[in-house]
N, C-alpha and C. Protein backbone atom coordinates (compact mmCIF):
# COMPACT_ATOMS: atom_id res chain seq x y z
N MET A 1 8.77 -14.92 -1.24
CA MET A 1 7.96 -13.90 -0.79
C MET A 1 6.78 -14.32 -0.05
N GLY A 2 7.03 -15.11 0.98
CA GLY A 2 5.98 -15.83 1.80
C GLY A 2 5.02 -14.93 2.41
N ASP A 3 5.51 -13.88 3.29
CA ASP A 3 4.60 -13.14 4.00
C ASP A 3 3.65 -12.37 3.04
N ILE A 4 4.33 -11.53 2.06
CA ILE A 4 3.37 -10.61 1.17
C ILE A 4 2.50 -11.48 0.28
N ASN A 5 3.03 -12.56 -0.19
CA ASN A 5 2.08 -13.51 -1.06
C ASN A 5 1.00 -14.06 -0.21
N GLN A 6 1.33 -14.56 0.99
CA GLN A 6 0.26 -15.01 1.89
C GLN A 6 -0.70 -13.93 2.32
N PHE A 7 -0.19 -12.79 2.59
CA PHE A 7 -1.08 -11.70 2.81
C PHE A 7 -2.01 -11.37 1.69
N MET A 8 -1.38 -11.18 0.48
CA MET A 8 -2.26 -10.92 -0.72
C MET A 8 -3.29 -11.97 -0.89
N GLU A 9 -2.99 -13.15 -0.80
CA GLU A 9 -3.84 -14.19 -1.00
C GLU A 9 -5.09 -14.13 -0.06
N GLU A 10 -4.75 -14.01 1.22
CA GLU A 10 -5.79 -13.86 2.26
C GLU A 10 -6.54 -12.76 2.04
N TYR A 11 -5.94 -11.49 1.74
CA TYR A 11 -6.72 -10.24 1.41
C TYR A 11 -7.71 -10.37 0.41
N ARG A 12 -7.15 -10.89 -0.71
CA ARG A 12 -8.16 -11.13 -1.93
C ARG A 12 -9.30 -12.00 -1.67
N SER A 13 -8.92 -13.16 -0.87
CA SER A 13 -10.04 -14.10 -0.60
C SER A 13 -10.97 -13.37 0.38
N ALA A 14 -10.68 -12.61 1.25
CA ALA A 14 -11.59 -11.91 2.17
C ALA A 14 -12.37 -10.92 1.45
N LEU A 15 -11.83 -10.17 0.51
CA LEU A 15 -12.50 -9.31 -0.35
C LEU A 15 -13.57 -10.07 -1.33
N ARG A 16 -13.18 -11.11 -1.82
CA ARG A 16 -14.14 -11.91 -2.56
C ARG A 16 -15.34 -12.30 -1.70
N ALA A 17 -15.08 -12.77 -0.48
CA ALA A 17 -16.25 -13.18 0.40
C ALA A 17 -17.07 -11.93 0.72
N LEU A 18 -16.47 -10.75 1.04
CA LEU A 18 -17.21 -9.63 1.30
C LEU A 18 -18.05 -9.14 0.09
N LYS A 19 -17.42 -9.40 -1.13
CA LYS A 19 -18.24 -8.99 -2.23
C LYS A 19 -19.48 -9.78 -2.39
N GLU A 20 -19.60 -10.95 -1.83
CA GLU A 20 -20.80 -11.79 -1.87
C GLU A 20 -21.91 -11.19 -0.88
N GLU A 21 -21.31 -10.68 0.27
CA GLU A 21 -22.20 -10.28 1.28
C GLU A 21 -22.64 -8.82 1.15
N VAL A 22 -21.76 -7.97 0.73
CA VAL A 22 -22.13 -6.50 0.63
C VAL A 22 -21.48 -5.95 -0.73
N PRO A 23 -22.08 -6.36 -1.77
CA PRO A 23 -21.60 -6.10 -3.16
C PRO A 23 -21.63 -4.58 -3.44
N ALA A 24 -22.72 -3.89 -3.07
CA ALA A 24 -22.95 -2.45 -3.36
C ALA A 24 -21.82 -1.58 -2.60
N SER A 25 -21.76 -1.88 -1.24
CA SER A 25 -20.61 -1.15 -0.65
C SER A 25 -19.22 -1.42 -1.07
N LEU A 26 -18.95 -2.63 -1.38
CA LEU A 26 -17.52 -2.86 -1.81
C LEU A 26 -17.44 -2.37 -3.13
N GLY A 27 -18.45 -2.48 -4.01
CA GLY A 27 -18.34 -1.89 -5.37
C GLY A 27 -18.18 -0.47 -5.37
N ALA A 28 -18.87 0.27 -4.52
CA ALA A 28 -18.79 1.73 -4.40
C ALA A 28 -17.38 2.17 -4.09
N PHE A 29 -16.78 1.39 -3.00
CA PHE A 29 -15.49 1.88 -2.57
C PHE A 29 -14.49 1.59 -3.79
N ASN A 30 -14.60 0.38 -4.35
CA ASN A 30 -13.75 0.04 -5.40
C ASN A 30 -13.70 0.97 -6.58
N SER A 31 -14.88 1.41 -6.85
CA SER A 31 -15.12 2.42 -7.99
C SER A 31 -14.36 3.76 -7.70
N PHE A 32 -14.58 4.24 -6.29
CA PHE A 32 -13.91 5.50 -5.91
C PHE A 32 -12.53 5.29 -5.93
N TYR A 33 -12.05 4.14 -5.48
CA TYR A 33 -10.58 3.89 -5.37
C TYR A 33 -9.89 3.93 -6.85
N GLN A 34 -10.58 3.28 -7.62
CA GLN A 34 -10.06 3.16 -9.02
C GLN A 34 -10.08 4.54 -9.73
N GLN A 35 -11.10 5.37 -9.48
CA GLN A 35 -11.11 6.62 -10.06
C GLN A 35 -10.06 7.52 -9.52
N VAL A 36 -9.77 7.57 -8.19
CA VAL A 36 -8.78 8.39 -7.59
C VAL A 36 -7.37 7.88 -7.95
N MET A 37 -7.13 6.61 -7.96
CA MET A 37 -5.72 6.13 -8.15
C MET A 37 -5.31 5.94 -9.58
N GLN A 38 -6.20 6.31 -10.50
CA GLN A 38 -5.78 6.25 -11.96
C GLN A 38 -4.90 7.34 -12.35
N GLU A 39 -4.28 7.27 -13.43
CA GLU A 39 -3.44 8.44 -13.89
C GLU A 39 -4.23 9.72 -13.94
N GLY A 40 -3.67 10.84 -13.55
CA GLY A 40 -4.40 12.11 -13.73
C GLY A 40 -3.36 13.09 -13.70
N VAL A 41 -3.50 14.13 -13.01
CA VAL A 41 -2.48 15.22 -12.93
C VAL A 41 -1.18 14.58 -12.30
N LEU A 42 -1.51 13.73 -11.27
CA LEU A 42 -0.37 13.04 -10.68
C LEU A 42 -0.30 11.65 -11.26
N ASP A 43 0.85 11.05 -11.53
CA ASP A 43 0.99 9.69 -12.12
C ASP A 43 0.64 8.72 -11.02
N VAL A 44 0.46 7.45 -11.34
CA VAL A 44 -0.01 6.42 -10.47
C VAL A 44 1.27 6.15 -9.41
N LYS A 45 2.35 6.17 -10.00
CA LYS A 45 3.57 5.99 -9.00
C LYS A 45 3.52 6.99 -7.92
N THR A 46 3.31 8.26 -8.23
CA THR A 46 3.38 9.32 -7.24
C THR A 46 2.26 9.02 -6.26
N LYS A 47 1.03 8.74 -6.72
CA LYS A 47 -0.17 8.44 -6.01
C LYS A 47 0.11 7.26 -4.91
N GLU A 48 0.65 6.21 -5.49
CA GLU A 48 1.05 5.05 -4.69
C GLU A 48 2.27 5.40 -3.47
N LEU A 49 3.07 6.28 -3.91
CA LEU A 49 4.08 6.71 -3.01
C LEU A 49 3.54 7.55 -1.83
N ILE A 50 2.43 8.40 -2.18
CA ILE A 50 1.64 9.16 -1.23
C ILE A 50 0.94 8.23 -0.28
N ALA A 51 0.21 7.22 -0.91
CA ALA A 51 -0.58 6.30 -0.06
C ALA A 51 0.39 5.51 0.80
N LEU A 52 1.60 5.13 0.41
CA LEU A 52 2.43 4.48 1.27
C LEU A 52 2.91 5.28 2.45
N ALA A 53 3.16 6.55 2.25
CA ALA A 53 3.59 7.53 3.26
C ALA A 53 2.41 7.70 4.23
N VAL A 54 1.26 7.79 3.76
CA VAL A 54 0.13 8.00 4.71
C VAL A 54 -0.16 6.76 5.48
N GLY A 55 0.15 5.57 4.81
CA GLY A 55 -0.08 4.35 5.55
C GLY A 55 1.00 4.18 6.73
N VAL A 56 2.09 4.61 6.49
CA VAL A 56 3.14 4.58 7.47
C VAL A 56 2.84 5.57 8.64
N ALA A 57 2.34 6.86 8.22
CA ALA A 57 1.99 7.88 9.12
C ALA A 57 0.79 7.56 10.08
N ILE A 58 -0.13 6.66 9.57
CA ILE A 58 -1.26 6.28 10.34
C ILE A 58 -1.16 5.00 11.00
N HIS A 59 0.03 4.34 10.71
CA HIS A 59 0.28 3.13 11.32
C HIS A 59 -0.57 1.90 10.82
N CYS A 60 -0.81 1.81 9.57
CA CYS A 60 -1.68 0.85 9.02
C CYS A 60 -0.75 -0.18 8.22
N GLU A 61 -0.48 -1.33 8.85
CA GLU A 61 0.47 -2.23 8.20
C GLU A 61 -0.14 -2.93 7.00
N ASN A 62 -1.37 -3.15 6.84
CA ASN A 62 -1.97 -3.53 5.61
C ASN A 62 -1.77 -2.48 4.48
N CYS A 63 -1.99 -1.25 4.68
CA CYS A 63 -1.74 -0.32 3.73
C CYS A 63 -0.25 -0.24 3.36
N VAL A 64 0.70 -0.32 4.26
CA VAL A 64 2.13 -0.38 3.96
C VAL A 64 2.35 -1.56 2.96
N LEU A 65 1.94 -2.76 3.24
CA LEU A 65 2.08 -3.87 2.46
C LEU A 65 1.48 -3.65 1.02
N LEU A 66 0.18 -3.21 1.01
CA LEU A 66 -0.39 -3.02 -0.29
C LEU A 66 0.25 -1.90 -1.17
N HIS A 67 0.56 -0.83 -0.48
CA HIS A 67 1.08 0.34 -1.36
C HIS A 67 2.66 0.21 -1.66
N THR A 68 3.27 -0.46 -0.73
CA THR A 68 4.73 -0.66 -1.17
C THR A 68 4.74 -1.67 -2.41
N ARG A 69 3.93 -2.60 -2.40
CA ARG A 69 3.91 -3.41 -3.54
C ARG A 69 3.36 -2.70 -4.91
N ALA A 70 2.30 -1.94 -4.59
CA ALA A 70 1.76 -1.07 -5.70
C ALA A 70 2.59 -0.12 -6.25
N ALA A 71 3.35 0.57 -5.27
CA ALA A 71 4.40 1.58 -5.82
C ALA A 71 5.43 0.92 -6.61
N GLN A 72 5.94 -0.17 -6.21
CA GLN A 72 6.98 -0.94 -6.95
C GLN A 72 6.43 -1.30 -8.42
N LYS A 73 5.20 -1.80 -8.35
CA LYS A 73 4.56 -2.21 -9.65
C LYS A 73 4.42 -1.11 -10.61
N ALA A 74 4.16 0.18 -9.92
CA ALA A 74 4.00 1.36 -10.73
C ALA A 74 5.26 2.04 -11.21
N GLY A 75 6.47 1.33 -10.88
CA GLY A 75 7.68 1.81 -11.36
C GLY A 75 8.61 2.57 -10.27
N ALA A 76 8.16 2.62 -8.99
CA ALA A 76 9.01 3.16 -7.97
C ALA A 76 10.20 2.35 -7.64
N SER A 77 11.29 3.02 -7.47
CA SER A 77 12.49 2.37 -7.08
C SER A 77 12.46 2.11 -5.55
N ARG A 78 13.36 1.23 -5.15
CA ARG A 78 13.56 0.99 -3.74
C ARG A 78 13.86 2.21 -3.01
N GLU A 79 14.75 3.02 -3.53
CA GLU A 79 15.02 4.39 -2.87
C GLU A 79 13.88 5.27 -2.76
N GLU A 80 13.05 5.46 -3.92
CA GLU A 80 11.88 6.25 -3.82
C GLU A 80 10.87 5.71 -2.80
N ILE A 81 10.64 4.49 -2.74
CA ILE A 81 9.82 3.82 -1.67
C ILE A 81 10.29 4.19 -0.38
N LEU A 82 11.62 3.92 0.01
CA LEU A 82 12.05 4.23 1.25
C LEU A 82 11.98 5.67 1.65
N GLU A 83 12.25 6.51 0.65
CA GLU A 83 12.21 8.00 0.87
C GLU A 83 10.69 8.43 1.27
N ALA A 84 9.72 7.80 0.55
CA ALA A 84 8.27 8.02 0.71
C ALA A 84 7.97 7.50 2.24
N ALA A 85 8.50 6.45 2.64
CA ALA A 85 8.26 5.95 3.90
C ALA A 85 8.74 6.87 4.95
N PHE A 86 9.97 7.34 4.83
CA PHE A 86 10.51 8.39 5.78
C PHE A 86 9.63 9.75 5.83
N VAL A 87 9.07 10.09 4.70
CA VAL A 87 8.08 11.16 4.74
C VAL A 87 6.96 10.87 5.71
N GLY A 88 6.46 9.55 5.59
CA GLY A 88 5.39 9.20 6.47
C GLY A 88 5.82 9.14 7.91
N VAL A 89 7.12 8.92 8.25
CA VAL A 89 7.56 9.00 9.53
C VAL A 89 7.63 10.35 10.09
N VAL A 90 8.16 11.31 9.14
CA VAL A 90 8.09 12.72 9.55
C VAL A 90 6.68 13.18 9.95
N MET A 91 5.69 12.75 9.29
CA MET A 91 4.35 13.11 9.48
C MET A 91 3.65 12.32 10.72
N GLY A 92 4.12 11.16 10.86
CA GLY A 92 3.57 10.25 11.94
C GLY A 92 4.32 10.06 13.24
N GLY A 93 5.56 10.63 13.28
CA GLY A 93 6.45 10.49 14.33
C GLY A 93 6.92 9.20 14.68
N GLY A 94 7.40 8.97 16.08
CA GLY A 94 7.98 7.76 16.60
C GLY A 94 7.24 6.43 16.23
N PRO A 95 5.86 6.38 16.45
CA PRO A 95 5.18 5.32 16.11
C PRO A 95 5.23 4.80 14.58
N ALA A 96 5.32 5.91 13.79
CA ALA A 96 5.39 5.57 12.36
C ALA A 96 6.75 4.98 11.97
N PHE A 97 7.83 5.40 12.76
CA PHE A 97 9.09 4.85 12.62
C PHE A 97 9.12 3.36 12.65
N THR A 98 8.32 2.75 13.55
CA THR A 98 8.33 1.37 13.78
C THR A 98 7.85 0.70 12.52
N PHE A 99 7.28 1.33 11.57
CA PHE A 99 6.78 0.63 10.35
C PHE A 99 7.92 0.59 9.24
N LEU A 100 9.05 1.30 9.37
CA LEU A 100 10.02 1.18 8.38
C LEU A 100 10.47 -0.28 8.22
N PRO A 101 10.70 -1.12 9.19
CA PRO A 101 11.10 -2.44 8.96
C PRO A 101 10.01 -3.18 8.21
N VAL A 102 8.72 -2.85 8.26
CA VAL A 102 7.71 -3.45 7.56
C VAL A 102 7.92 -3.24 6.02
N VAL A 103 8.20 -1.91 5.72
CA VAL A 103 8.48 -1.52 4.26
C VAL A 103 9.70 -2.32 3.80
N LYS A 104 10.85 -2.28 4.58
CA LYS A 104 12.02 -2.99 4.14
C LYS A 104 11.75 -4.47 3.97
N ARG A 105 11.06 -5.12 4.81
CA ARG A 105 10.79 -6.52 4.71
C ARG A 105 9.96 -6.83 3.36
N THR A 106 8.99 -5.92 3.18
CA THR A 106 8.13 -6.20 2.04
C THR A 106 9.02 -5.82 0.78
N LEU A 107 9.85 -4.93 0.78
CA LEU A 107 10.75 -4.72 -0.56
C LEU A 107 11.64 -5.85 -0.66
N ASP A 108 12.15 -6.39 0.35
CA ASP A 108 13.09 -7.46 0.38
C ASP A 108 12.35 -8.75 -0.26
N GLU A 109 11.14 -8.94 0.26
CA GLU A 109 10.44 -10.13 -0.28
C GLU A 109 10.06 -9.93 -1.75
N LEU A 110 9.65 -8.82 -2.13
CA LEU A 110 9.31 -8.44 -3.44
C LEU A 110 10.56 -8.53 -4.52
N GLY A 111 11.76 -8.36 -3.89
CA GLY A 111 12.96 -8.43 -4.61
C GLY A 111 13.36 -9.79 -4.91
N LYS A 112 12.88 -10.79 -4.23
CA LYS A 112 13.20 -12.20 -4.41
C LYS A 112 12.69 -12.71 -5.68
């Protein structure tokens, strides 16, 4: 899992550095994120699948990486993740379609 592991390491490292520089802003966003993404009327798996679809639709590669991994950790199957990604394509059109290989590559790496 070279690409996803490297990405996650670099992502976490950058966030730790930002926490030193702008703790209030980072803390406020993290608090909001944790509150929204916790179990509620929608379960965490569903929320992660929605976030993945939105990431595909808005062409955010980092979002795709993060939420593909998070959806899998929340119990989503490969099939559910791919279906959610296709929902993102419906909403985002042709440019979103180009992110399907990113989802597949991430799933393949996470499956190793």
